[in-house]
Amino acid sequence: MDLEKQTRQTRPSSPSPAPSPGPRRSPEVAPAELRASDADRDRIADILRDAMAEGRLTAEEHSERIEGVYRAKTVGELEPLIRDLPGAHQEPAASAYAAVPSRPSEGAIPTEADDSVVAVFSSAVRKGRWRAGRRIHAYAVFGSVEIDLSEALFEYQQIAIKAFSVFGSVEIKVPENVSLRGNGGGVLGSFEVRTLDSGDPQAPVVFVDGWAVLGSIEARPKRGKFVADIARIADKVQRKVEKVQRKYL
């Protein structure tokens, strides 16, 4: 018995199992290495737009940097495009868009259309350097209508576009520095207005109303296109208002 007890005491004990490793942590990603979102690109594009309007960038420089904005994949690739601009080091104003109305002001838009664009089993385009009226009607019946305001002359601060699409399409493009509002819908079709706020209370506002029946209506900003002189437009609008007031007073 003594020999058996001694053997048990001298027998090597089995090693205890090694502790299991904890969950592996993924390496932290620096903010500059994060993938850029559409909101990130839009913020950079807004700063570049303002810099060109202030004369800090030429049209060529602005175009080159905008191309870089939409080629960038990470936040770190976006920041160098605005590093030398004051807008990159300023906090955005919280109430910049408070003055943008959701609907046209009473009496600002006539009941009759200033211009009509009609496509029936065909296509119709209004683009280039043209004078945009206060009220534009667009009708697409088994056809397509394109209204491009990106190079238009804005003589009024509020513009209403009434669009109807039946088995057709209506496409509306506006400059980046105007405000865009929409009100409408679709019946087995699509109505899409990409709401836009310019941040400048004097900027033109484009209101798109309409219905798409088995068709489509789309309104969106055209990147890289701007109204040249918003202050001049606001001054012209004010002079017209004063002229009307003098006529009836």
C-alpha atoms as a PDB file:
ATOM      1  CA  MET A   1       0.000   0.000   0.000  1.00  0.00           C
ATOM      2  CA  ASP A   2       2.861   2.364   0.802  1.00  0.00           C
ATOM      3  CA  LEU A   3       4.394   1.716  -2.615  1.00  0.00           C
ATOM      4  CA  GLU A   4       1.100   2.384  -4.413  1.00  0.00           C
ATOM      5  CA  LYS A   5       0.559   5.621  -2.462  1.00  0.00           C
ATOM      6  CA  GLN A   6       4.075   6.798  -3.256  1.00  0.00           C
ATOM      7  CA  THR A   7       3.580   6.081  -6.954  1.00  0.00           C
ATOM      8  CA  ARG A   8       0.412   8.179  -7.031  1.00  0.00           C
ATOM      9  CA  GLN A   9       2.178  11.087  -5.319  1.00  0.00           C
ATOM     10  CA  THR A  10       5.127  11.115  -7.735  1.00  0.00           C
ATOM     11  CA  ARG A  11       3.013  10.753 -10.896  1.00  0.00           C
ATOM     12  CA  PRO A  12       3.140  14.053 -12.908  1.00  0.00           C
ATOM     13  CA  SER A  13      -0.125  15.917 -12.917  1.00  0.00           C
ATOM     14  CA  SER A  14      -1.754  16.692 -16.290  1.00  0.00           C
ATOM     15  CA  PRO A  15      -1.228  20.272 -17.414  1.00  0.00           C
ATOM     16  CA  SER A  16      -4.184  22.620 -16.907  1.00  0.00           C
ATOM     17  CA  PRO A  17      -5.818  23.781 -20.169  1.00  0.00           C
ATOM     18  CA  ALA A  18      -4.560  27.110 -21.500  1.00  0.00           C
ATOM     19  CA  PRO A  19      -7.056  29.973 -21.161  1.00  0.00           C
ATOM     20  CA  SER A  20      -9.014  30.562 -24.354  1.00  0.00           C
ATOM     21  CA  PRO A  21      -8.165  33.804 -26.064  1.00  0.00           C
ATOM     22  CA  GLY A  22     -10.807  36.527 -25.882  1.00  0.00           C
ATOM     23  CA  PRO A  23     -12.580  37.940 -28.946  1.00  0.00           C
ATOM     24  CA  ARG A  24     -10.169  39.572 -31.356  1.00  0.00           C
ATOM     25  CA  ARG A  25     -10.613  43.297 -31.773  1.00  0.00           C
ATOM     26  CA  SER A  26     -10.491  44.681 -35.269  1.00  0.00           C
ATOM     27  CA  PRO A  27      -7.843  47.375 -35.654  1.00  0.00           C
ATOM     28  CA  GLU A  28      -9.202  50.885 -35.252  1.00  0.00           C
ATOM     29  CA  VAL A  29      -9.666  52.821 -38.496  1.00  0.00           C
ATOM     30  CA  ALA A  30      -8.471  56.401 -38.628  1.00  0.00           C
ATOM     31  CA  PRO A  31     -11.212  58.936 -39.552  1.00  0.00           C
ATOM     32  CA  ALA A  32      -9.359  59.830 -42.751  1.00  0.00           C
ATOM     33  CA  GLU A  33      -9.535  56.194 -43.886  1.00  0.00           C
ATOM     34  CA  LEU A  34     -13.316  55.942 -43.588  1.00  0.00           C
ATOM     35  CA  ARG A  35     -15.267  55.566 -46.802  1.00  0.00           C
ATOM     36  CA  ALA A  36     -16.762  58.863 -47.989  1.00  0.00           C
ATOM     37  CA  SER A  37     -20.562  59.136 -48.097  1.00  0.00           C
ATOM     38  CA  ASP A  38     -22.730  61.145 -50.475  1.00  0.00           C
ATOM     39  CA  ALA A  39     -23.263  63.661 -47.653  1.00  0.00           C
ATOM     40  CA  ASP A  40     -19.477  64.059 -47.302  1.00  0.00           C
ATOM     41  CA  ARG A  41     -19.114  64.724 -51.023  1.00  0.00           C
ATOM     42  CA  ASP A  42     -22.009  67.191 -51.032  1.00  0.00           C
ATOM     43  CA  ARG A  43     -20.439  69.129 -48.134  1.00  0.00           C
ATOM     44  CA  ILE A  44     -17.133  69.454 -50.004  1.00  0.00           C
ATOM     45  CA  ALA A  45     -18.938  70.412 -53.236  1.00  0.00           C
ATOM     46  CA  ASP A  46     -20.831  73.157 -51.370  1.00  0.00           C
ATOM     47  CA  ILE A  47     -17.570  74.641 -50.036  1.00  0.00           C
ATOM     48  CA  LEU A  48     -16.043  74.582 -53.523  1.00  0.00           C
ATOM     49  CA  ARG A  49     -19.137  76.223 -54.978  1.00  0.00           C
ATOM     50  CA  ASP A  50     -18.988  79.050 -52.434  1.00  0.00           C
ATOM     51  CA  ALA A  51     -15.258  79.505 -53.052  1.00  0.00           C
ATOM     52  CA  MET A  52     -15.843  79.925 -56.789  1.00  0.00           C
ATOM     53  CA  ALA A  53     -18.693  82.385 -56.163  1.00  0.00           C
ATOM     54  CA  GLU A  54     -16.343  84.443 -53.940  1.00  0.00           C
ATOM     55  CA  GLY A  55     -13.614  84.457 -56.588  1.00  0.00           C
ATOM     56  CA  ARG A  56     -11.224  82.232 -54.638  1.00  0.00           C
ATOM     57  CA  LEU A  57     -11.272  79.572 -57.357  1.00  0.00           C
ATOM     58  CA  THR A  58     -11.397  79.942 -61.113  1.00  0.00           C
ATOM     59  CA  ALA A  59     -13.907  77.950 -63.127  1.00  0.00           C
ATOM     60  CA  GLU A  60     -11.119  75.603 -64.249  1.00  0.00           C
ATOM     61  CA  GLU A  61      -9.891  75.048 -60.686  1.00  0.00           C
ATOM     62  CA  HIS A  62     -13.437  74.442 -59.498  1.00  0.00           C
ATOM     63  CA  SER A  63     -14.045  71.904 -62.266  1.00  0.00           C
ATOM     64  CA  GLU A  64     -10.824  70.030 -61.454  1.00  0.00           C
ATOM     65  CA  ARG A  65     -11.635  69.856 -57.756  1.00  0.00           C
ATOM     66  CA  ILE A  66     -15.232  68.774 -58.355  1.00  0.00           C
ATOM     67  CA  GLU A  67     -13.910  65.891 -60.437  1.00  0.00           C
ATOM     68  CA  GLY A  68     -11.679  64.989 -57.502  1.00  0.00           C
ATOM     69  CA  VAL A  69     -14.683  65.064 -55.160  1.00  0.00           C
ATOM     70  CA  TYR A  70     -16.553  62.420 -57.120  1.00  0.00           C
ATOM     71  CA  ARG A  71     -13.423  60.301 -57.644  1.00  0.00           C
ATOM     72  CA  ALA A  72     -12.581  60.254 -53.924  1.00  0.00           C
ATOM     73  CA  LYS A  73     -13.312  57.046 -52.037  1.00  0.00           C
ATOM     74  CA  THR A  74     -12.284  58.078 -48.507  1.00  0.00           C
ATOM     75  CA  VAL A  75     -12.709  61.139 -46.280  1.00  0.00           C
ATOM     76  CA  GLY A  76      -8.951  61.638 -46.344  1.00  0.00           C
ATOM     77  CA  GLU A  77      -9.030  62.093 -50.117  1.00  0.00           C
ATOM     78  CA  LEU A  78     -11.690  64.804 -49.811  1.00  0.00           C
ATOM     79  CA  GLU A  79     -10.099  67.069 -47.211  1.00  0.00           C
ATOM     80  CA  PRO A  80      -7.055  68.207 -49.297  1.00  0.00           C
ATOM     81  CA  LEU A  81      -9.481  69.593 -51.915  1.00  0.00           C
ATOM     82  CA  ILE A  82     -10.661  72.316 -49.492  1.00  0.00           C
ATOM     83  CA  ARG A  83      -7.694  72.640 -47.114  1.00  0.00           C
ATOM     84  CA  ASP A  84      -6.727  76.079 -48.509  1.00  0.00           C
ATOM     85  CA  LEU A  85     -10.304  77.468 -48.389  1.00  0.00           C
ATOM     86  CA  PRO A  86     -11.886  79.360 -45.465  1.00  0.00           C
ATOM     87  CA  GLY A  87     -15.081  77.324 -45.738  1.00  0.00           C
ATOM     88  CA  ALA A  88     -13.220  74.233 -44.546  1.00  0.00           C
ATOM     89  CA  HIS A  89     -12.532  75.892 -41.183  1.00  0.00           C
ATOM     90  CA  GLN A  90     -15.955  77.378 -40.444  1.00  0.00           C
ATOM     91  CA  GLU A  91     -18.933  75.914 -38.647  1.00  0.00           C
ATOM     92  CA  PRO A  92     -22.052  75.751 -40.857  1.00  0.00           C
ATOM     93  CA  ALA A  93     -24.879  78.082 -39.907  1.00  0.00           C
ATOM     94  CA  ALA A  94     -27.694  76.153 -38.253  1.00  0.00           C
ATOM     95  CA  SER A  95     -30.541  78.334 -39.561  1.00  0.00           C
ATOM     96  CA  ALA A  96     -29.304  78.888 -43.127  1.00  0.00           C
ATOM     97  CA  TYR A  97     -32.390  77.305 -44.728  1.00  0.00           C
ATOM     98  CA  ALA A  98     -35.125  78.885 -42.607  1.00  0.00           C
ATOM     99  CA  ALA A  99     -36.148  81.378 -45.292  1.00  0.00           C
ATOM    100  CA  VAL A 100     -36.855  78.787 -48.035  1.00  0.00           C
ATOM    101  CA  PRO A 101     -40.660  78.525 -48.529  1.00  0.00           C
ATOM    102  CA  SER A 102     -42.355  75.172 -49.031  1.00  0.00           C
ATOM    103  CA  ARG A 103     -44.934  76.630 -51.451  1.00  0.00           C
ATOM    104  CA  PRO A 104     -44.953  79.676 -53.763  1.00  0.00           C
ATOM    105  CA  SER A 105     -45.843  82.994 -52.209  1.00  0.00           C
ATOM    106  CA  GLU A 106     -49.388  84.194 -52.847  1.00  0.00           C
ATOM    107  CA  GLY A 107     -49.535  86.094 -56.135  1.00  0.00           C
ATOM    108  CA  ALA A 108     -45.967  85.209 -57.134  1.00  0.00           C
ATOM    109  CA  ILE A 109     -46.987  82.643 -59.781  1.00  0.00           C
ATOM    110  CA  PRO A 110     -49.533  83.443 -62.550  1.00  0.00           C
ATOM    111  CA  THR A 111     -52.390  81.077 -63.306  1.00  0.00           C
ATOM    112  CA  GLU A 112     -51.504  80.941 -67.008  1.00  0.00           C
ATOM    113  CA  ALA A 113     -48.307  79.287 -68.199  1.00  0.00           C
ATOM    114  CA  ASP A 114     -45.490  81.477 -69.519  1.00  0.00           C
ATOM    115  CA  ASP A 115     -44.095  78.510 -71.423  1.00  0.00           C
ATOM    116  CA  SER A 116     -45.273  74.990 -72.321  1.00  0.00           C
ATOM    117  CA  VAL A 117     -43.182  71.989 -73.327  1.00  0.00           C
ATOM    118  CA  VAL A 118     -45.207  69.187 -74.944  1.00  0.00           C
ATOM    119  CA  ALA A 119     -44.137  65.770 -76.218  1.00  0.00           C
ATOM    120  CA  VAL A 120     -46.720  63.362 -77.672  1.00  0.00           C
ATOM    121  CA  PHE A 121     -45.134  60.234 -79.132  1.00  0.00           C
ATOM    122  CA  SER A 122     -41.980  62.365 -79.424  1.00  0.00           C
ATOM    123  CA  SER A 123     -39.392  64.250 -77.378  1.00  0.00           C
ATOM    124  CA  ALA A 124     -39.125  67.926 -76.424  1.00  0.00           C
ATOM    125  CA  VAL A 125     -36.166  69.713 -74.864  1.00  0.00           C
ATOM    126  CA  ARG A 126     -35.751  73.159 -73.340  1.00  0.00           C
ATOM    127  CA  LYS A 127     -32.115  73.805 -72.474  1.00  0.00           C
ATOM    128  CA  GLY A 128     -29.190  76.164 -72.968  1.00  0.00           C
ATOM    129  CA  ARG A 129     -29.359  79.948 -72.459  1.00  0.00           C
ATOM    130  CA  TRP A 130     -33.074  80.674 -72.223  1.00  0.00           C
ATOM    131  CA  ARG A 131     -35.303  82.887 -70.078  1.00  0.00           C
ATOM    132  CA  ALA A 132     -37.254  80.886 -67.522  1.00  0.00           C
ATOM    133  CA  GLY A 133     -40.767  82.160 -66.916  1.00  0.00           C
ATOM    134  CA  ARG A 134     -42.617  82.084 -63.631  1.00  0.00           C
ATOM    135  CA  ARG A 135     -44.862  79.181 -64.658  1.00  0.00           C
ATOM    136  CA  ILE A 136     -43.883  76.339 -67.001  1.00  0.00           C
ATOM    137  CA  HIS A 137     -46.103  73.438 -68.042  1.00  0.00           C
ATOM    138  CA  ALA A 138     -44.634  70.120 -69.177  1.00  0.00           C
ATOM    139  CA  TYR A 139     -46.693  67.339 -70.800  1.00  0.00           C
ATOM    140  CA  ALA A 140     -45.223  63.976 -71.809  1.00  0.00           C
ATOM    141  CA  VAL A 141     -47.650  61.480 -73.402  1.00  0.00           C
ATOM    142  CA  PHE A 142     -45.824  58.444 -74.735  1.00  0.00           C
ATOM    143  CA  GLY A 143     -42.845  60.768 -75.049  1.00  0.00           C
ATOM    144  CA  SER A 144     -40.095  62.516 -73.100  1.00  0.00           C
ATOM    145  CA  VAL A 145     -39.639  66.100 -71.924  1.00  0.00           C
ATOM    146  CA  GLU A 146     -36.372  67.575 -70.665  1.00  0.00           C
ATOM    147  CA  ILE A 147     -36.291  70.979 -68.950  1.00  0.00           C
ATOM    148  CA  ASP A 148     -32.742  72.054 -68.166  1.00  0.00           C
ATOM    149  CA  LEU A 149     -32.490  75.217 -66.058  1.00  0.00           C
ATOM    150  CA  SER A 150     -28.759  74.858 -65.383  1.00  0.00           C
ATOM    151  CA  GLU A 151     -27.864  77.639 -67.864  1.00  0.00           C
ATOM    152  CA  ALA A 152     -31.184  79.480 -67.915  1.00  0.00           C
ATOM    153  CA  LEU A 153     -31.622  83.167 -67.150  1.00  0.00           C
ATOM    154  CA  PHE A 154     -33.567  83.561 -63.901  1.00  0.00           C
ATOM    155  CA  GLU A 155     -35.591  86.760 -63.942  1.00  0.00           C
ATOM    156  CA  TYR A 156     -37.882  85.697 -61.106  1.00  0.00           C
ATOM    157  CA  GLN A 157     -37.155  84.393 -57.640  1.00  0.00           C
ATOM    158  CA  GLN A 158     -39.938  81.796 -57.695  1.00  0.00           C
ATOM    159  CA  ILE A 159     -40.614  79.439 -60.596  1.00  0.00           C
ATOM    160  CA  ALA A 160     -43.342  76.791 -60.735  1.00  0.00           C
ATOM    161  CA  ILE A 161     -43.166  73.800 -63.081  1.00  0.00           C
ATOM    162  CA  LYS A 162     -46.374  71.806 -63.522  1.00  0.00           C
ATOM    163  CA  ALA A 163     -45.567  68.386 -64.987  1.00  0.00           C
ATOM    164  CA  PHE A 164     -47.804  65.575 -66.266  1.00  0.00           C
ATOM    165  CA  SER A 165     -46.465  62.266 -67.530  1.00  0.00           C
ATOM    166  CA  VAL A 166     -48.616  59.528 -69.088  1.00  0.00           C
ATOM    167  CA  PHE A 167     -46.563  56.586 -70.349  1.00  0.00           C
ATOM    168  CA  GLY A 168     -43.707  59.090 -70.669  1.00  0.00           C
ATOM    169  CA  SER A 169     -40.999  60.901 -68.732  1.00  0.00           C
ATOM    170  CA  VAL A 170     -40.340  64.460 -67.556  1.00  0.00           C
ATOM    171  CA  GLU A 171     -36.799  65.268 -66.425  1.00  0.00           C
ATOM    172  CA  ILE A 172     -35.964  68.612 -64.776  1.00  0.00           C
ATOM    173  CA  LYS A 173     -32.441  69.837 -63.959  1.00  0.00           C
ATOM    174  CA  VAL A 174     -31.627  72.917 -61.876  1.00  0.00           C
ATOM    175  CA  PRO A 175     -28.405  74.707 -60.849  1.00  0.00           C
ATOM    176  CA  GLU A 176     -26.787  73.678 -57.574  1.00  0.00           C
ATOM    177  CA  ASN A 177     -27.266  77.026 -55.839  1.00  0.00           C
ATOM    178  CA  VAL A 178     -31.055  77.291 -56.121  1.00  0.00           C
ATOM    179  CA  SER A 179     -33.677  75.741 -53.841  1.00  0.00           C
ATOM    180  CA  LEU A 180     -35.839  72.898 -55.130  1.00  0.00           C
ATOM    181  CA  ARG A 181     -39.202  71.768 -53.778  1.00  0.00           C
ATOM    182  CA  GLY A 182     -41.682  69.150 -54.999  1.00  0.00           C
ATOM    183  CA  ASN A 183     -45.294  68.130 -54.494  1.00  0.00           C
ATOM    184  CA  GLY A 184     -46.909  65.321 -56.444  1.00  0.00           C
ATOM    185  CA  GLY A 185     -47.126  61.589 -56.883  1.00  0.00           C
ATOM    186  CA  GLY A 186     -47.395  58.655 -59.225  1.00  0.00           C
ATOM    187  CA  VAL A 187     -50.040  56.143 -60.289  1.00  0.00           C
ATOM    188  CA  LEU A 188     -48.114  53.040 -61.270  1.00  0.00           C
ATOM    189  CA  GLY A 189     -45.327  55.532 -61.950  1.00  0.00           C
ATOM    190  CA  SER A 190     -42.657  57.495 -60.103  1.00  0.00           C
ATOM    191  CA  PHE A 191     -42.446  61.090 -58.889  1.00  0.00           C
ATOM    192  CA  GLU A 192     -39.033  62.002 -57.482  1.00  0.00           C
ATOM    193  CA  VAL A 193     -37.835  65.488 -56.521  1.00  0.00           C
ATOM    194  CA  ARG A 194     -34.467  65.719 -54.788  1.00  0.00           C
ATOM    195  CA  THR A 195     -35.127  68.549 -52.340  1.00  0.00           C
ATOM    196  CA  LEU A 196     -32.379  71.169 -52.446  1.00  0.00           C
ATOM    197  CA  ASP A 197     -31.626  74.104 -50.109  1.00  0.00           C
ATOM    198  CA  SER A 198     -29.326  76.820 -51.395  1.00  0.00           C
ATOM    199  CA  GLY A 199     -28.640  78.442 -48.034  1.00  0.00           C
ATOM    200  CA  ASP A 200     -29.057  81.874 -49.634  1.00  0.00           C
ATOM    201  CA  PRO A 201     -32.476  83.443 -48.916  1.00  0.00           C
ATOM    202  CA  GLN A 202     -32.175  85.456 -52.157  1.00  0.00           C
ATOM    203  CA  ALA A 203     -31.647  82.400 -54.343  1.00  0.00           C
ATOM    204  CA  PRO A 204     -34.371  81.351 -56.808  1.00  0.00           C
ATOM    205  CA  VAL A 205     -36.767  78.635 -55.679  1.00  0.00           C
ATOM    206  CA  VAL A 206     -38.075  76.070 -58.185  1.00  0.00           C
ATOM    207  CA  PHE A 207     -41.347  74.334 -57.278  1.00  0.00           C
ATOM    208  CA  VAL A 208     -42.179  71.120 -59.155  1.00  0.00           C
ATOM    209  CA  ASP A 209     -45.760  69.826 -58.978  1.00  0.00           C
ATOM    210  CA  GLY A 210     -47.189  66.976 -60.980  1.00  0.00           C
ATOM    211  CA  TRP A 211     -48.438  63.455 -61.475  1.00  0.00           C
ATOM    212  CA  ALA A 212     -46.942  60.495 -63.281  1.00  0.00           C
ATOM    213  CA  VAL A 213     -49.321  57.851 -64.626  1.00  0.00           C
ATOM    214  CA  LEU A 214     -47.381  54.799 -65.778  1.00  0.00           C
ATOM    215  CA  GLY A 215     -44.519  57.222 -66.319  1.00  0.00           C
ATOM    216  CA  SER A 216     -41.899  59.199 -64.412  1.00  0.00           C
ATOM    217  CA  ILE A 217     -41.194  62.735 -63.225  1.00  0.00           C
ATOM    218  CA  GLU A 218     -37.749  63.542 -61.843  1.00  0.00           C
ATOM    219  CA  ALA A 219     -36.180  66.824 -60.693  1.00  0.00           C
ATOM    220  CA  ARG A 220     -32.607  67.113 -59.426  1.00  0.00           C
ATOM    221  CA  PRO A 221     -29.617  69.496 -59.271  1.00  0.00           C
ATOM    222  CA  LYS A 222     -27.036  69.390 -62.054  1.00  0.00           C
ATOM    223  CA  ARG A 223     -23.587  69.184 -60.477  1.00  0.00           C
ATOM    224  CA  GLY A 224     -21.153  71.959 -61.360  1.00  0.00           C
ATOM    225  CA  LYS A 225     -23.828  74.362 -62.651  1.00  0.00           C
ATOM    226  CA  PHE A 226     -24.666  77.588 -60.783  1.00  0.00           C
ATOM    227  CA  VAL A 227     -26.777  80.712 -61.127  1.00  0.00           C
ATOM    228  CA  ALA A 228     -24.162  83.345 -61.921  1.00  0.00           C
ATOM    229  CA  ASP A 229     -25.385  86.321 -59.897  1.00  0.00           C
ATOM    230  CA  ILE A 230     -28.109  85.775 -57.320  1.00  0.00           C
ATOM    231  CA  ALA A 231     -27.788  89.316 -55.959  1.00  0.00           C
ATOM    232  CA  ARG A 232     -28.549  90.734 -59.422  1.00  0.00           C
ATOM    233  CA  ILE A 233     -31.675  88.563 -59.661  1.00  0.00           C
ATOM    234  CA  ALA A 234     -32.901  89.675 -56.242  1.00  0.00           C
ATOM    235  CA  ASP A 235     -32.331  93.334 -57.161  1.00  0.00           C
ATOM    236  CA  LYS A 236     -34.286  92.922 -60.411  1.00  0.00           C
ATOM    237  CA  VAL A 237     -37.158  91.238 -58.557  1.00  0.00           C
ATOM    238  CA  GLN A 238     -37.235  94.064 -56.018  1.00  0.00           C
ATOM    239  CA  ARG A 239     -37.376  96.697 -58.777  1.00  0.00           C
ATOM    240  CA  LYS A 240     -40.323  94.918 -60.417  1.00  0.00           C
ATOM    241  CA  VAL A 241     -42.173  94.748 -57.103  1.00  0.00           C
ATOM    242  CA  GLU A 242     -41.596  98.457 -56.514  1.00  0.00           C
ATOM    243  CA  LYS A 243     -42.794  99.232 -60.044  1.00  0.00           C
ATOM    244  CA  VAL A 244     -46.050  97.348 -59.473  1.00  0.00           C
ATOM    245  CA  GLN A 245     -46.538  99.059 -56.125  1.00  0.00           C
ATOM    246  CA  ARG A 246     -46.077 102.509 -57.667  1.00  0.00           C
ATOM    247  CA  LYS A 247     -48.580 101.625 -60.382  1.00  0.00           C
ATOM    248  CA  TYR A 248     -51.383 100.757 -57.978  1.00  0.00           C
ATOM    249  CA  LEU A 249     -50.656 103.182 -55.152  1.00  0.00           C
END
